[in-house]
Amino acid sequence: MRRALLLDTHAVLWYLEGNAEQMPSATRALIEDPAGDVLVSAVSFWEIAIKSGLGKMKASSDLPARLAGAGFETLAVTAAHAWGVRDLPTHHRDPFDRMLIAQATMDGLRLVTRDPAFAPYDGLEVVW
């Protein structure tokens, strides 16, 4: 059985906000595969809300509805995920990304990102 995908925040925005053509075609195919599960973490919603509220990022106001319409599922942040961050090496200091790493490794998900800072984490499968 193929493991589900967890989209990094920039992957969510690129895919839904008009830059999907900049993603590798194989990555888009994985996201669009009707047999696969695609998850978006609640932490990505939080990051987008904070950064768009500060004017550092643009996102459609209907983004949560568009994600649901695309068939993406929301992955909740649990206490176990939050606690799991403490055991991660500090290769990457971004708190949002560290939560995504914890979620992906703890839940056995493949993380879709172009960010090379994710590569050093043992047990993390990165797609892109």
N, C-alpha and C. Protein backbone atom coordinates (compact mmCIF):
# COMPACT_ATOMS: atom_id res chain seq x y z
N MET A 1 0.83 -1.18 0.00
CA MET A 1 0.00 0.00 0.00
C MET A 1 0.88 1.25 0.00
N ARG A 2 0.55 2.19 -0.85
CA ARG A 2 1.30 3.43 -0.96
C ARG A 2 0.96 4.35 0.20
N ARG A 3 1.98 5.02 0.74
CA ARG A 3 1.76 5.94 1.86
C ARG A 3 1.15 7.24 1.36
N ALA A 4 0.33 7.83 2.20
CA ALA A 4 -0.32 9.09 1.88
C ALA A 4 0.71 10.22 1.78
N LEU A 5 0.30 11.29 1.10
CA LEU A 5 1.14 12.47 0.93
C LEU A 5 0.74 13.54 1.95
N LEU A 6 1.72 14.23 2.50
CA LEU A 6 1.50 15.41 3.32
C LEU A 6 2.15 16.57 2.57
N LEU A 7 1.35 17.57 2.22
CA LEU A 7 1.88 18.70 1.45
C LEU A 7 2.49 19.75 2.36
N ASP A 8 3.71 20.18 2.02
CA ASP A 8 4.32 21.33 2.68
C ASP A 8 3.48 22.56 2.31
N THR A 9 3.56 23.59 3.11
CA THR A 9 2.75 24.78 2.90
C THR A 9 2.93 25.37 1.51
N HIS A 10 4.16 25.47 1.03
CA HIS A 10 4.35 26.05 -0.30
C HIS A 10 3.77 25.15 -1.38
N ALA A 11 3.77 23.84 -1.17
CA ALA A 11 3.19 22.92 -2.14
C ALA A 11 1.68 23.11 -2.23
N VAL A 12 1.05 23.33 -1.08
CA VAL A 12 -0.39 23.62 -1.05
C VAL A 12 -0.68 24.86 -1.89
N LEU A 13 0.05 25.93 -1.61
CA LEU A 13 -0.20 27.19 -2.31
C LEU A 13 0.12 27.10 -3.79
N TRP A 14 1.23 26.48 -4.14
CA TRP A 14 1.57 26.35 -5.55
C TRP A 14 0.50 25.56 -6.28
N TYR A 15 0.07 24.48 -5.67
CA TYR A 15 -0.88 23.61 -6.35
C TYR A 15 -2.24 24.30 -6.54
N LEU A 16 -2.72 24.98 -5.53
CA LEU A 16 -4.06 25.56 -5.59
C LEU A 16 -4.11 27.02 -6.03
N GLU A 17 -2.99 27.71 -6.01
CA GLU A 17 -3.01 29.13 -6.31
C GLU A 17 -2.38 29.47 -7.66
N GLY A 18 -2.25 28.48 -8.54
CA GLY A 18 -1.88 28.79 -9.91
C GLY A 18 -0.45 28.54 -10.32
N ASN A 19 0.36 27.89 -9.49
CA ASN A 19 1.74 27.62 -9.87
C ASN A 19 2.03 26.13 -9.99
N ALA A 20 1.00 25.33 -10.14
CA ALA A 20 1.18 23.88 -10.19
C ALA A 20 2.10 23.47 -11.33
N GLU A 21 2.10 24.24 -12.41
CA GLU A 21 2.96 23.88 -13.55
C GLU A 21 4.44 23.98 -13.21
N GLN A 22 4.78 24.65 -12.13
CA GLN A 22 6.18 24.74 -11.70
C GLN A 22 6.62 23.52 -10.90
N MET A 23 5.66 22.69 -10.52
CA MET A 23 5.98 21.45 -9.82
C MET A 23 6.37 20.40 -10.85
N PRO A 24 7.22 19.45 -10.48
CA PRO A 24 7.52 18.36 -11.41
C PRO A 24 6.24 17.62 -11.78
N SER A 25 6.15 17.19 -13.01
CA SER A 25 4.93 16.51 -13.46
C SER A 25 4.67 15.24 -12.66
N ALA A 26 5.72 14.54 -12.23
CA ALA A 26 5.53 13.34 -11.42
C ALA A 26 4.90 13.68 -10.07
N THR A 27 5.26 14.82 -9.51
CA THR A 27 4.70 15.25 -8.23
C THR A 27 3.23 15.60 -8.40
N ARG A 28 2.91 16.34 -9.46
CA ARG A 28 1.51 16.67 -9.74
C ARG A 28 0.69 15.40 -9.94
N ALA A 29 1.26 14.43 -10.63
CA ALA A 29 0.55 13.18 -10.88
C ALA A 29 0.25 12.45 -9.56
N LEU A 30 1.20 12.46 -8.63
CA LEU A 30 0.95 11.85 -7.32
C LEU A 30 -0.18 12.55 -6.58
N ILE A 31 -0.17 13.88 -6.62
CA ILE A 31 -1.21 14.65 -5.93
C ILE A 31 -2.57 14.40 -6.57
N GLU A 32 -2.61 14.28 -7.88
CA GLU A 32 -3.87 14.12 -8.60
C GLU A 32 -4.34 12.68 -8.73
N ASP A 33 -3.55 11.73 -8.26
CA ASP A 33 -3.93 10.32 -8.34
C ASP A 33 -5.16 10.07 -7.48
N PRO A 34 -6.27 9.67 -8.09
CA PRO A 34 -7.49 9.47 -7.31
C PRO A 34 -7.39 8.32 -6.29
N ALA A 35 -6.41 7.45 -6.46
CA ALA A 35 -6.23 6.33 -5.53
C ALA A 35 -5.39 6.72 -4.32
N GLY A 36 -4.81 7.91 -4.33
CA GLY A 36 -3.94 8.34 -3.24
C GLY A 36 -4.64 9.29 -2.29
N ASP A 37 -4.12 9.36 -1.08
CA ASP A 37 -4.63 10.31 -0.09
C ASP A 37 -3.67 11.48 0.01
N VAL A 38 -4.22 12.68 0.00
CA VAL A 38 -3.42 13.90 0.12
C VAL A 38 -3.89 14.65 1.36
N LEU A 39 -2.93 14.93 2.24
CA LEU A 39 -3.23 15.60 3.50
C LEU A 39 -2.60 16.98 3.55
N VAL A 40 -3.28 17.89 4.22
CA VAL A 40 -2.75 19.22 4.51
C VAL A 40 -2.86 19.39 6.01
N SER A 41 -1.74 19.69 6.64
CA SER A 41 -1.72 19.85 8.09
C SER A 41 -2.40 21.14 8.53
N ALA A 42 -3.04 21.06 9.69
CA ALA A 42 -3.61 22.26 10.30
C ALA A 42 -2.53 23.31 10.51
N VAL A 43 -1.27 22.87 10.69
CA VAL A 43 -0.18 23.82 10.88
C VAL A 43 0.05 24.64 9.60
N SER A 44 -0.23 24.08 8.44
CA SER A 44 -0.10 24.84 7.19
C SER A 44 -1.17 25.92 7.11
N PHE A 45 -2.41 25.58 7.53
CA PHE A 45 -3.46 26.60 7.59
C PHE A 45 -3.04 27.73 8.51
N TRP A 46 -2.46 27.38 9.65
CA TRP A 46 -2.02 28.36 10.63
C TRP A 46 -0.93 29.25 10.04
N GLU A 47 0.06 28.63 9.39
CA GLU A 47 1.15 29.40 8.79
C GLU A 47 0.63 30.35 7.72
N ILE A 48 -0.26 29.86 6.86
CA ILE A 48 -0.81 30.70 5.80
C ILE A 48 -1.62 31.84 6.41
N ALA A 49 -2.42 31.56 7.41
CA ALA A 49 -3.23 32.60 8.05
C ALA A 49 -2.35 33.68 8.67
N ILE A 50 -1.30 33.27 9.38
CA ILE A 50 -0.41 34.25 10.00
C ILE A 50 0.29 35.10 8.95
N LYS A 51 0.90 34.44 7.98
CA LYS A 51 1.70 35.17 6.99
C LYS A 51 0.85 36.00 6.05
N SER A 52 -0.34 35.53 5.71
CA SER A 52 -1.20 36.35 4.85
C SER A 52 -1.76 37.53 5.63
N GLY A 53 -2.04 37.33 6.92
CA GLY A 53 -2.49 38.43 7.77
C GLY A 53 -1.44 39.52 7.94
N LEU A 54 -0.16 39.12 7.88
CA LEU A 54 0.94 40.09 7.99
C LEU A 54 1.33 40.68 6.64
N GLY A 55 0.70 40.21 5.57
CA GLY A 55 1.03 40.70 4.24
C GLY A 55 2.27 40.08 3.64
N LYS A 56 2.78 39.00 4.22
CA LYS A 56 3.99 38.34 3.72
C LYS A 56 3.68 37.26 2.69
N MET A 57 2.41 36.93 2.54
CA MET A 57 2.01 35.84 1.66
C MET A 57 0.61 36.16 1.17
N LYS A 58 0.33 35.74 -0.05
CA LYS A 58 -1.03 35.90 -0.59
C LYS A 58 -1.69 34.55 -0.67
N ALA A 59 -2.94 34.52 -0.23
CA ALA A 59 -3.72 33.29 -0.30
C ALA A 59 -5.19 33.66 -0.48
N SER A 60 -5.89 32.89 -1.25
CA SER A 60 -7.32 33.12 -1.45
C SER A 60 -8.06 33.00 -0.13
N SER A 61 -9.06 33.84 0.06
CA SER A 61 -9.82 33.79 1.31
C SER A 61 -10.62 32.49 1.43
N ASP A 62 -10.88 31.83 0.31
CA ASP A 62 -11.64 30.58 0.33
C ASP A 62 -10.73 29.35 0.29
N LEU A 63 -9.47 29.52 0.67
CA LEU A 63 -8.50 28.42 0.58
C LEU A 63 -8.96 27.15 1.31
N PRO A 64 -9.47 27.21 2.54
CA PRO A 64 -9.91 25.97 3.19
C PRO A 64 -10.99 25.23 2.37
N ALA A 65 -11.91 25.96 1.82
CA ALA A 65 -12.97 25.33 1.01
C ALA A 65 -12.38 24.75 -0.28
N ARG A 66 -11.44 25.44 -0.87
CA ARG A 66 -10.81 24.94 -2.10
C ARG A 66 -10.02 23.65 -1.83
N LEU A 67 -9.37 23.58 -0.68
CA LEU A 67 -8.66 22.36 -0.31
C LEU A 67 -9.62 21.19 -0.17
N ALA A 68 -10.72 21.43 0.50
CA ALA A 68 -11.73 20.38 0.66
C ALA A 68 -12.30 19.99 -0.70
N GLY A 69 -12.55 20.99 -1.55
CA GLY A 69 -13.08 20.72 -2.89
C GLY A 69 -12.13 19.92 -3.75
N ALA A 70 -10.83 20.05 -3.50
CA ALA A 70 -9.82 19.29 -4.25
C ALA A 70 -9.69 17.87 -3.71
N GLY A 71 -10.41 17.56 -2.64
CA GLY A 71 -10.35 16.22 -2.07
C GLY A 71 -9.23 16.03 -1.06
N PHE A 72 -8.59 17.12 -0.65
CA PHE A 72 -7.52 17.02 0.34
C PHE A 72 -8.14 16.91 1.73
N GLU A 73 -7.48 16.13 2.58
CA GLU A 73 -7.93 15.97 3.95
C GLU A 73 -7.06 16.83 4.86
N THR A 74 -7.65 17.28 5.95
CA THR A 74 -6.90 18.05 6.94
C THR A 74 -6.34 17.11 7.99
N LEU A 75 -5.06 17.27 8.27
CA LEU A 75 -4.39 16.50 9.32
C LEU A 75 -4.31 17.37 10.56
N ALA A 76 -4.95 16.93 11.63
CA ALA A 76 -4.93 17.68 12.89
C ALA A 76 -3.56 17.59 13.53
N VAL A 77 -3.22 18.60 14.29
CA VAL A 77 -2.01 18.57 15.11
C VAL A 77 -2.42 18.01 16.46
N THR A 78 -1.82 16.89 16.83
CA THR A 78 -2.14 16.25 18.10
C THR A 78 -1.08 16.58 19.14
N ALA A 79 -1.40 16.27 20.37
CA ALA A 79 -0.42 16.45 21.45
C ALA A 79 0.82 15.59 21.18
N ALA A 80 0.62 14.40 20.64
CA ALA A 80 1.76 13.52 20.32
C ALA A 80 2.64 14.15 19.26
N HIS A 81 2.05 14.78 18.24
CA HIS A 81 2.84 15.47 17.22
C HIS A 81 3.65 16.60 17.86
N ALA A 82 2.97 17.41 18.66
CA ALA A 82 3.65 18.54 19.30
C ALA A 82 4.81 18.07 20.17
N TRP A 83 4.59 17.00 20.92
CA TRP A 83 5.64 16.47 21.79
C TRP A 83 6.76 15.85 20.97
N GLY A 84 6.42 15.27 19.82
CA GLY A 84 7.43 14.65 18.96
C GLY A 84 8.44 15.62 18.39
N VAL A 85 8.09 16.88 18.29
CA VAL A 85 9.03 17.90 17.78
C VAL A 85 10.27 17.99 18.65
N ARG A 86 10.13 17.75 19.94
CA ARG A 86 11.27 17.90 20.86
C ARG A 86 12.38 16.91 20.56
N ASP A 87 12.06 15.78 19.94
CA ASP A 87 13.06 14.77 19.64
C ASP A 87 13.74 14.95 18.29
N LEU A 88 13.30 15.92 17.52
CA LEU A 88 13.90 16.14 16.20
C LEU A 88 15.25 16.84 16.32
N PRO A 89 16.22 16.41 15.49
CA PRO A 89 17.47 17.18 15.43
C PRO A 89 17.16 18.58 14.90
N THR A 90 18.02 19.52 15.18
CA THR A 90 17.76 20.91 14.77
C THR A 90 18.38 21.25 13.42
N HIS A 91 18.23 20.35 12.45
CA HIS A 91 18.69 20.67 11.09
C HIS A 91 17.92 21.86 10.52
N HIS A 92 16.70 21.98 10.95
CA HIS A 92 15.79 22.99 10.41
C HIS A 92 15.09 23.65 11.60
N ARG A 93 15.11 24.97 11.65
CA ARG A 93 14.59 25.66 12.84
C ARG A 93 13.19 26.22 12.67
N ASP A 94 12.64 26.22 11.46
CA ASP A 94 11.30 26.77 11.23
C ASP A 94 10.28 25.92 12.00
N PRO A 95 9.52 26.53 12.92
CA PRO A 95 8.60 25.74 13.75
C PRO A 95 7.48 25.07 12.95
N PHE A 96 7.00 25.71 11.90
CA PHE A 96 5.96 25.11 11.07
C PHE A 96 6.51 23.86 10.36
N ASP A 97 7.68 24.00 9.79
CA ASP A 97 8.29 22.87 9.07
C ASP A 97 8.65 21.74 10.03
N ARG A 98 9.09 22.07 11.22
CA ARG A 98 9.42 21.03 12.19
C ARG A 98 8.17 20.23 12.57
N MET A 99 7.04 20.90 12.66
CA MET A 99 5.80 20.18 12.94
C MET A 99 5.44 19.25 11.78
N LEU A 100 5.61 19.73 10.55
CA LEU A 100 5.33 18.87 9.39
C LEU A 100 6.24 17.65 9.39
N ILE A 101 7.50 17.85 9.75
CA ILE A 101 8.45 16.73 9.82
C ILE A 101 8.00 15.72 10.88
N ALA A 102 7.62 16.22 12.05
CA ALA A 102 7.15 15.33 13.11
C ALA A 102 5.91 14.56 12.66
N GLN A 103 4.96 15.26 12.05
CA GLN A 103 3.75 14.59 11.60
C GLN A 103 4.05 13.52 10.55
N ALA A 104 4.87 13.87 9.58
CA ALA A 104 5.17 12.92 8.51
C ALA A 104 5.90 11.69 9.04
N THR A 105 6.89 11.89 9.90
CA THR A 105 7.64 10.74 10.40
C THR A 105 6.80 9.90 11.36
N MET A 106 6.04 10.53 12.21
CA MET A 106 5.24 9.80 13.18
C MET A 106 4.08 9.05 12.54
N ASP A 107 3.50 9.63 11.49
CA ASP A 107 2.31 9.04 10.86
C ASP A 107 2.64 8.27 9.58
N GLY A 108 3.93 8.16 9.23
CA GLY A 108 4.32 7.39 8.06
C GLY A 108 3.86 8.00 6.75
N LEU A 109 3.98 9.31 6.64
CA LEU A 109 3.54 10.03 5.44
C LEU A 109 4.74 10.45 4.60
N ARG A 110 4.51 10.59 3.31
CA ARG A 110 5.53 11.15 2.41
C ARG A 110 5.30 12.65 2.35
N LEU A 111 6.35 13.44 2.55
CA LEU A 111 6.24 14.89 2.60
C LEU A 111 6.57 15.49 1.24
N VAL A 112 5.65 16.24 0.68
CA VAL A 112 5.83 16.86 -0.62
C VAL A 112 6.37 18.27 -0.41
N THR A 113 7.64 18.48 -0.82
CA THR A 113 8.29 19.77 -0.63
C THR A 113 9.44 19.91 -1.61
N ARG A 114 9.79 21.15 -1.90
CA ARG A 114 11.01 21.39 -2.67
C ARG A 114 12.12 21.92 -1.77
N ASP A 115 11.85 22.06 -0.49
CA ASP A 115 12.79 22.63 0.48
C ASP A 115 13.88 21.61 0.80
N PRO A 116 15.14 21.90 0.47
CA PRO A 116 16.23 20.95 0.73
C PRO A 116 16.55 20.78 2.22
N ALA A 117 16.03 21.66 3.07
CA ALA A 117 16.31 21.56 4.51
C ALA A 117 15.67 20.34 5.15
N PHE A 118 14.74 19.69 4.45
CA PHE A 118 14.09 18.50 4.99
C PHE A 118 14.94 17.24 4.81
N ALA A 119 15.85 17.25 3.88
CA ALA A 119 16.62 16.06 3.49
C ALA A 119 17.38 15.38 4.63
N PRO A 120 17.97 16.09 5.59
CA PRO A 120 18.77 15.41 6.60
C PRO A 120 18.00 14.59 7.64
N TYR A 121 16.69 14.63 7.62
CA TYR A 121 15.92 13.94 8.65
C TYR A 121 15.76 12.46 8.33
N ASP A 122 16.32 11.63 9.20
CA ASP A 122 16.19 10.18 9.06
C ASP A 122 14.72 9.77 9.19
N GLY A 123 14.32 8.84 8.36
CA GLY A 123 12.96 8.32 8.42
C GLY A 123 11.94 9.16 7.71
N LEU A 124 12.35 10.27 7.12
CA LEU A 124 11.44 11.15 6.40
C LEU A 124 11.58 10.90 4.91
N GLU A 125 10.49 10.53 4.27
CA GLU A 125 10.50 10.37 2.82
C GLU A 125 10.00 11.65 2.18
N VAL A 126 10.87 12.28 1.39
CA VAL A 126 10.54 13.53 0.73
C VAL A 126 10.26 13.25 -0.75
N VAL A 127 9.18 13.85 -1.23
CA VAL A 127 8.81 13.75 -2.64
C VAL A 127 8.92 15.15 -3.24
N TRP A 128 9.70 15.26 -4.33
CA TRP A 128 9.82 16.45 -5.16
C TRP A 128 11.25 16.59 -5.51
